[in-house]
C-alpha atoms as a PDB file:
ATOM      1  CA  MET A   1      31.911  16.290 -15.348  1.00  0.00           C
ATOM      2  CA  ALA A   2      33.007  12.717 -16.081  1.00  0.00           C
ATOM      3  CA  ASN A   3      31.511   9.411 -17.086  1.00  0.00           C
ATOM      4  CA  SER A   4      29.465   7.427 -14.574  1.00  0.00           C
ATOM      5  CA  MET A   5      32.241   4.999 -13.697  1.00  0.00           C
ATOM      6  CA  ALA A   6      34.672   7.835 -12.940  1.00  0.00           C
ATOM      7  CA  ILE A   7      32.116   9.695 -10.808  1.00  0.00           C
ATOM      8  CA  ALA A   8      31.241   6.542  -8.850  1.00  0.00           C
ATOM      9  CA  ARG A   9      34.952   5.865  -8.231  1.00  0.00           C
ATOM     10  CA  ARG A  10      35.460   9.439  -6.950  1.00  0.00           C
ATOM     11  CA  VAL A  11      32.483   9.096  -4.569  1.00  0.00           C
ATOM     12  CA  ALA A  12      33.776   5.689  -3.411  1.00  0.00           C
ATOM     13  CA  ASP A  13      37.210   7.226  -2.741  1.00  0.00           C
ATOM     14  CA  PHE A  14      35.648  10.143  -0.772  1.00  0.00           C
ATOM     15  CA  GLU A  15      36.981  12.656  -3.328  1.00  0.00           C
ATOM     16  CA  ILE A  16      33.479  14.081  -3.860  1.00  0.00           C
ATOM     17  CA  ASP A  17      30.463  13.987  -1.538  1.00  0.00           C
ATOM     18  CA  MET A  18      27.862  12.675  -3.969  1.00  0.00           C
ATOM     19  CA  GLY A  19      27.273  12.081  -7.640  1.00  0.00           C
ATOM     20  CA  LEU A  20      24.558  12.195 -10.247  1.00  0.00           C
ATOM     21  CA  ILE A  21      25.069   9.346 -12.704  1.00  0.00           C
ATOM     22  CA  GLU A  22      23.363   8.143 -15.861  1.00  0.00           C
ATOM     23  CA  GLY A  23      23.333   4.426 -15.279  1.00  0.00           C
ATOM     24  CA  PRO A  24      23.420   1.739 -12.654  1.00  0.00           C
ATOM     25  CA  CYS A  25      26.071   1.844  -9.935  1.00  0.00           C
ATOM     26  CA  HIS A  26      28.148  -1.301  -9.495  1.00  0.00           C
ATOM     27  CA  LEU A  27      30.176  -0.379  -6.391  1.00  0.00           C
ATOM     28  CA  PRO A  28      28.830  -2.018  -3.200  1.00  0.00           C
ATOM     29  CA  GLU A  29      30.177   0.735  -0.924  1.00  0.00           C
ATOM     30  CA  LEU A  30      27.845   3.259  -2.576  1.00  0.00           C
ATOM     31  CA  SER A  31      24.193   3.902  -1.983  1.00  0.00           C
ATOM     32  CA  ALA A  32      22.257   4.614  -5.187  1.00  0.00           C
ATOM     33  CA  GLU A  33      18.827   6.222  -5.225  1.00  0.00           C
ATOM     34  CA  PRO A  34      16.772   6.169  -8.444  1.00  0.00           C
ATOM     35  CA  TRP A  35      16.295   9.718  -9.647  1.00  0.00           C
ATOM     36  CA  LEU A  36      15.003  10.915 -13.032  1.00  0.00           C
ATOM     37  CA  ILE A  37      13.786   8.931 -16.017  1.00  0.00           C
ATOM     38  CA  ASP A  38      15.390  10.015 -19.262  1.00  0.00           C
ATOM     39  CA  GLU A  39      14.117   9.385 -22.793  1.00  0.00           C
ATOM     40  CA  LEU A  40      16.724   8.258 -25.304  1.00  0.00           C
ATOM     41  CA  LEU A  41      16.240   9.058 -28.996  1.00  0.00           C
ATOM     42  CA  ILE A  42      17.887   7.618 -32.076  1.00  0.00           C
ATOM     43  CA  VAL A  43      19.008  10.685 -34.015  1.00  0.00           C
ATOM     44  CA  ALA A  44      20.942  11.721 -37.098  1.00  0.00           C
ATOM     45  CA  GLY A  45      21.834  14.905 -38.903  1.00  0.00           C
ATOM     46  CA  GLN A  46      19.137  16.217 -41.236  1.00  0.00           C
ATOM     47  CA  ARG A  47      21.266  15.345 -44.295  1.00  0.00           C
ATOM     48  CA  HIS A  48      22.012  11.760 -43.226  1.00  0.00           C
ATOM     49  CA  PRO A  49      20.455   9.188 -45.622  1.00  0.00           C
ATOM     50  CA  LEU A  50      18.436   7.557 -42.810  1.00  0.00           C
ATOM     51  CA  ALA A  51      16.933  10.944 -41.893  1.00  0.00           C
ATOM     52  CA  LEU A  52      15.152  10.940 -45.251  1.00  0.00           C
ATOM     53  CA  LYS A  53      13.381   7.599 -44.697  1.00  0.00           C
ATOM     54  CA  GLN A  54       9.756   7.332 -43.588  1.00  0.00           C
ATOM     55  CA  GLN A  55      10.646   4.297 -41.432  1.00  0.00           C
ATOM     56  CA  VAL A  56      14.096   3.096 -40.435  1.00  0.00           C
ATOM     57  CA  THR A  57      14.339  -0.712 -40.332  1.00  0.00           C
ATOM     58  CA  LEU A  58      16.193  -2.815 -37.802  1.00  0.00           C
ATOM     59  CA  ASP A  59      18.631  -3.757 -40.566  1.00  0.00           C
ATOM     60  CA  ASP A  60      19.198  -0.039 -41.293  1.00  0.00           C
ATOM     61  CA  LEU A  61      20.059   0.440 -37.616  1.00  0.00           C
ATOM     62  CA  ARG A  62      22.304  -2.656 -37.472  1.00  0.00           C
ATOM     63  CA  THR A  63      24.371  -1.598 -40.477  1.00  0.00           C
ATOM     64  CA  ALA A  64      24.581   2.140 -39.740  1.00  0.00           C
ATOM     65  CA  GLU A  65      27.699   3.858 -38.476  1.00  0.00           C
ATOM     66  CA  TRP A  66      27.040   4.512 -34.783  1.00  0.00           C
ATOM     67  CA  LEU A  67      28.666   7.205 -32.662  1.00  0.00           C
ATOM     68  CA  LEU A  68      28.774   6.002 -29.056  1.00  0.00           C
ATOM     69  CA  ARG A  69      30.244   7.219 -25.791  1.00  0.00           C
ATOM     70  CA  GLU A  70      33.361   5.561 -24.410  1.00  0.00           C
ATOM     71  CA  PRO A  71      33.301   2.379 -22.295  1.00  0.00           C
ATOM     72  CA  GLY A  72      32.569   3.338 -18.675  1.00  0.00           C
ATOM     73  CA  SER A  73      29.961   5.869 -19.701  1.00  0.00           C
ATOM     74  CA  GLY A  74      26.500   5.228 -18.252  1.00  0.00           C
ATOM     75  CA  THR A  75      25.035   6.350 -21.572  1.00  0.00           C
ATOM     76  CA  ARG A  76      27.113   3.752 -23.436  1.00  0.00           C
ATOM     77  CA  GLU A  77      26.113   0.975 -21.041  1.00  0.00           C
ATOM     78  CA  GLU A  78      22.419   1.838 -21.216  1.00  0.00           C
ATOM     79  CA  VAL A  79      22.376   2.296 -25.005  1.00  0.00           C
ATOM     80  CA  GLU A  80      24.098  -1.031 -25.571  1.00  0.00           C
ATOM     81  CA  GLN A  81      21.659  -2.826 -23.263  1.00  0.00           C
ATOM     82  CA  LEU A  82      18.630  -1.206 -24.879  1.00  0.00           C
ATOM     83  CA  LEU A  83      19.715  -1.542 -28.509  1.00  0.00           C
ATOM     84  CA  LEU A  84      21.506  -4.869 -28.547  1.00  0.00           C
ATOM     85  CA  ARG A  85      18.524  -6.783 -27.190  1.00  0.00           C
ATOM     86  CA  HIS A  86      16.729  -5.805 -30.421  1.00  0.00           C
ATOM     87  CA  LEU A  87      19.548  -5.394 -32.932  1.00  0.00           C
ATOM     88  CA  HIS A  88      21.923  -8.103 -31.600  1.00  0.00           C
ATOM     89  CA  ASP A  89      24.913  -6.360 -33.201  1.00  0.00           C
ATOM     90  CA  LEU A  90      26.053  -2.980 -34.468  1.00  0.00           C
ATOM     91  CA  ALA A  91      28.157  -3.249 -37.618  1.00  0.00           C
ATOM     92  CA  GLU A  92      30.240  -0.120 -37.167  1.00  0.00           C
ATOM     93  CA  THR A  93      30.839   2.034 -34.103  1.00  0.00           C
ATOM     94  CA  ARG A  94      33.045   4.995 -33.263  1.00  0.00           C
ATOM     95  CA  GLN A  95      33.777   6.097 -29.718  1.00  0.00           C
ATOM     96  CA  ILE A  96      33.497   9.772 -28.834  1.00  0.00           C
ATOM     97  CA  GLY A  97      34.165  11.122 -25.335  1.00  0.00           C
ATOM     98  CA  SER A  98      31.097  13.317 -24.795  1.00  0.00           C
ATOM     99  CA  SER A  99      27.465  13.545 -25.822  1.00  0.00           C
ATOM    100  CA  GLU A 100      28.041  17.161 -26.888  1.00  0.00           C
ATOM    101  CA  ALA A 101      30.780  16.084 -29.300  1.00  0.00           C
ATOM    102  CA  ILE A 102      28.560  13.297 -30.627  1.00  0.00           C
ATOM    103  CA  LYS A 103      25.623  15.599 -31.352  1.00  0.00           C
ATOM    104  CA  HIS A 104      27.826  18.107 -33.188  1.00  0.00           C
ATOM    105  CA  THR A 105      29.396  15.304 -35.245  1.00  0.00           C
ATOM    106  CA  LEU A 106      25.904  14.066 -36.109  1.00  0.00           C
ATOM    107  CA  ALA A 107      24.987  17.596 -37.200  1.00  0.00           C
ATOM    108  CA  GLN A 108      27.696  17.270 -39.877  1.00  0.00           C
ATOM    109  CA  GLY A 109      25.837  14.259 -41.323  1.00  0.00           C
ATOM    110  CA  ILE A 110      28.232  11.678 -39.863  1.00  0.00           C
ATOM    111  CA  GLY A 111      26.676   8.586 -38.296  1.00  0.00           C
ATOM    112  CA  ILE A 112      23.683   8.055 -36.043  1.00  0.00           C
ATOM    113  CA  SER A 113      23.443   7.833 -32.277  1.00  0.00           C
ATOM    114  CA  CYS A 114      21.137   7.245 -29.345  1.00  0.00           C
ATOM    115  CA  LEU A 115      21.189  10.256 -27.020  1.00  0.00           C
ATOM    116  CA  SER A 116      19.128  11.845 -24.291  1.00  0.00           C
ATOM    117  CA  ARG A 117      16.283  14.086 -25.432  1.00  0.00           C
ATOM    118  CA  TRP A 118      17.708  16.661 -22.991  1.00  0.00           C
ATOM    119  CA  VAL A 119      21.062  16.610 -24.786  1.00  0.00           C
ATOM    120  CA  VAL A 120      19.681  16.997 -28.319  1.00  0.00           C
ATOM    121  CA  ARG A 121      16.581  19.128 -27.750  1.00  0.00           C
ATOM    122  CA  ASP A 122      18.281  22.304 -29.022  1.00  0.00           C
ATOM    123  CA  LEU A 123      19.403  20.726 -32.305  1.00  0.00           C
ATOM    124  CA  LEU A 124      16.054  18.942 -32.724  1.00  0.00           C
ATOM    125  CA  ALA A 125      14.225  22.259 -32.278  1.00  0.00           C
ATOM    126  CA  SER A 126      16.399  23.906 -34.932  1.00  0.00           C
ATOM    127  CA  GLU A 127      15.977  20.826 -37.163  1.00  0.00           C
ATOM    128  CA  VAL A 128      19.748  20.321 -37.440  1.00  0.00           C
ATOM    129  CA  LEU A 129      19.133  16.831 -35.990  1.00  0.00           C
ATOM    130  CA  VAL A 130      16.113  14.627 -36.593  1.00  0.00           C
ATOM    131  CA  GLU A 131      14.694  11.750 -34.591  1.00  0.00           C
ATOM    132  CA  LEU A 132      14.767   8.621 -36.729  1.00  0.00           C
ATOM    133  CA  PRO A 133      11.389   6.852 -37.002  1.00  0.00           C
ATOM    134  CA  HIS A 134      11.863   3.212 -35.935  1.00  0.00           C
ATOM    135  CA  ALA A 135       9.873   0.266 -34.645  1.00  0.00           C
ATOM    136  CA  LEU A 136      11.821  -0.223 -31.413  1.00  0.00           C
ATOM    137  CA  PRO A 137       9.977   0.218 -28.116  1.00  0.00           C
ATOM    138  CA  ALA A 138      10.484   3.458 -26.210  1.00  0.00           C
ATOM    139  CA  LEU A 139      14.081   3.774 -25.033  1.00  0.00           C
ATOM    140  CA  THR A 140      14.468   5.085 -21.491  1.00  0.00           C
ATOM    141  CA  ARG A 141      17.028   4.989 -18.723  1.00  0.00           C
ATOM    142  CA  ARG A 142      17.152   6.088 -15.112  1.00  0.00           C
ATOM    143  CA  PHE A 143      19.526   8.573 -13.510  1.00  0.00           C
ATOM    144  CA  PHE A 144      20.759   7.856  -9.984  1.00  0.00           C
ATOM    145  CA  LEU A 145      21.928   9.921  -7.019  1.00  0.00           C
ATOM    146  CA  ILE A 146      24.889   8.196  -5.369  1.00  0.00           C
ATOM    147  CA  ARG A 147      26.811   8.650  -2.147  1.00  0.00           C
ATOM    148  CA  HIS A 148      29.147   6.573  -0.007  1.00  0.00           C
ATOM    149  CA  ARG A 149      27.413   4.448   2.628  1.00  0.00           C
ATOM    150  CA  ASP A 150      29.969   5.549   5.263  1.00  0.00           C
ATOM    151  CA  LYS A 151      29.998   9.267   4.379  1.00  0.00           C
ATOM    152  CA  TYR A 152      29.009  11.766   7.050  1.00  0.00           C
ATOM    153  CA  ILE A 153      26.087  13.727   5.616  1.00  0.00           C
ATOM    154  CA  SER A 154      26.189  17.359   6.685  1.00  0.00           C
ATOM    155  CA  PRO A 155      22.905  19.286   6.936  1.00  0.00           C
ATOM    156  CA  GLY A 156      23.857  21.240   3.782  1.00  0.00           C
ATOM    157  CA  LEU A 157      24.565  18.077   1.805  1.00  0.00           C
ATOM    158  CA  GLU A 158      21.322  16.536   3.072  1.00  0.00           C
ATOM    159  CA  ARG A 159      19.357  19.610   1.861  1.00  0.00           C
ATOM    160  CA  PHE A 160      21.096  19.443  -1.515  1.00  0.00           C
ATOM    161  CA  TRP A 161      20.298  15.698  -1.778  1.00  0.00           C
ATOM    162  CA  GLU A 162      16.641  16.386  -0.922  1.00  0.00           C
ATOM    163  CA  ASN A 163      16.442  19.200  -3.502  1.00  0.00           C
ATOM    164  CA  CYS A 164      17.865  16.902  -6.167  1.00  0.00           C
ATOM    165  CA  SER A 165      15.413  14.168  -5.134  1.00  0.00           C
ATOM    166  CA  GLN A 166      12.496  16.585  -5.554  1.00  0.00           C
ATOM    167  CA  PHE A 167      13.684  18.004  -8.886  1.00  0.00           C
ATOM    168  CA  VAL A 168      11.236  17.504 -11.731  1.00  0.00           C
ATOM    169  CA  SER A 169      12.124  18.207 -15.344  1.00  0.00           C
ATOM    170  CA  GLN A 170      10.809  21.490 -16.685  1.00  0.00           C
ATOM    171  CA  GLU A 171       9.883  19.908 -20.050  1.00  0.00           C
END
């Protein structure tokens, strides 16, 4: 498992047959097929000061300490595009290399983040994390299936691709 840029590079270099990425693909030698739509939530640990507010303001979000994925991550790219069009700037950010590490750091009451509902659903259910109430529009992103345009597609890989294409979330 790697960030979207690394996966796309490995597909482009024929190191892996296909990839499932969490953001747009910028390599022209790859074919990208839209896949699932993912809901992104702004979350914090239950003890974080913003978790206690009835409504989190845009200024609260701008000035908060944000935990974000590293550059090259599809999540990072999507979150920045979605948030910055409304917030224009984030005062303080820390980079963390995985969404799992981010959610466990949040659980300690450190910072806020914007993560996939799929990633945080366990800690939301146990109320270790809370979704912050805000006035931003719904935050969503699309996952993509990618493969090299010149790659021979075996029958097994084609079946796997079709199964992924037909996958529907169980939520």
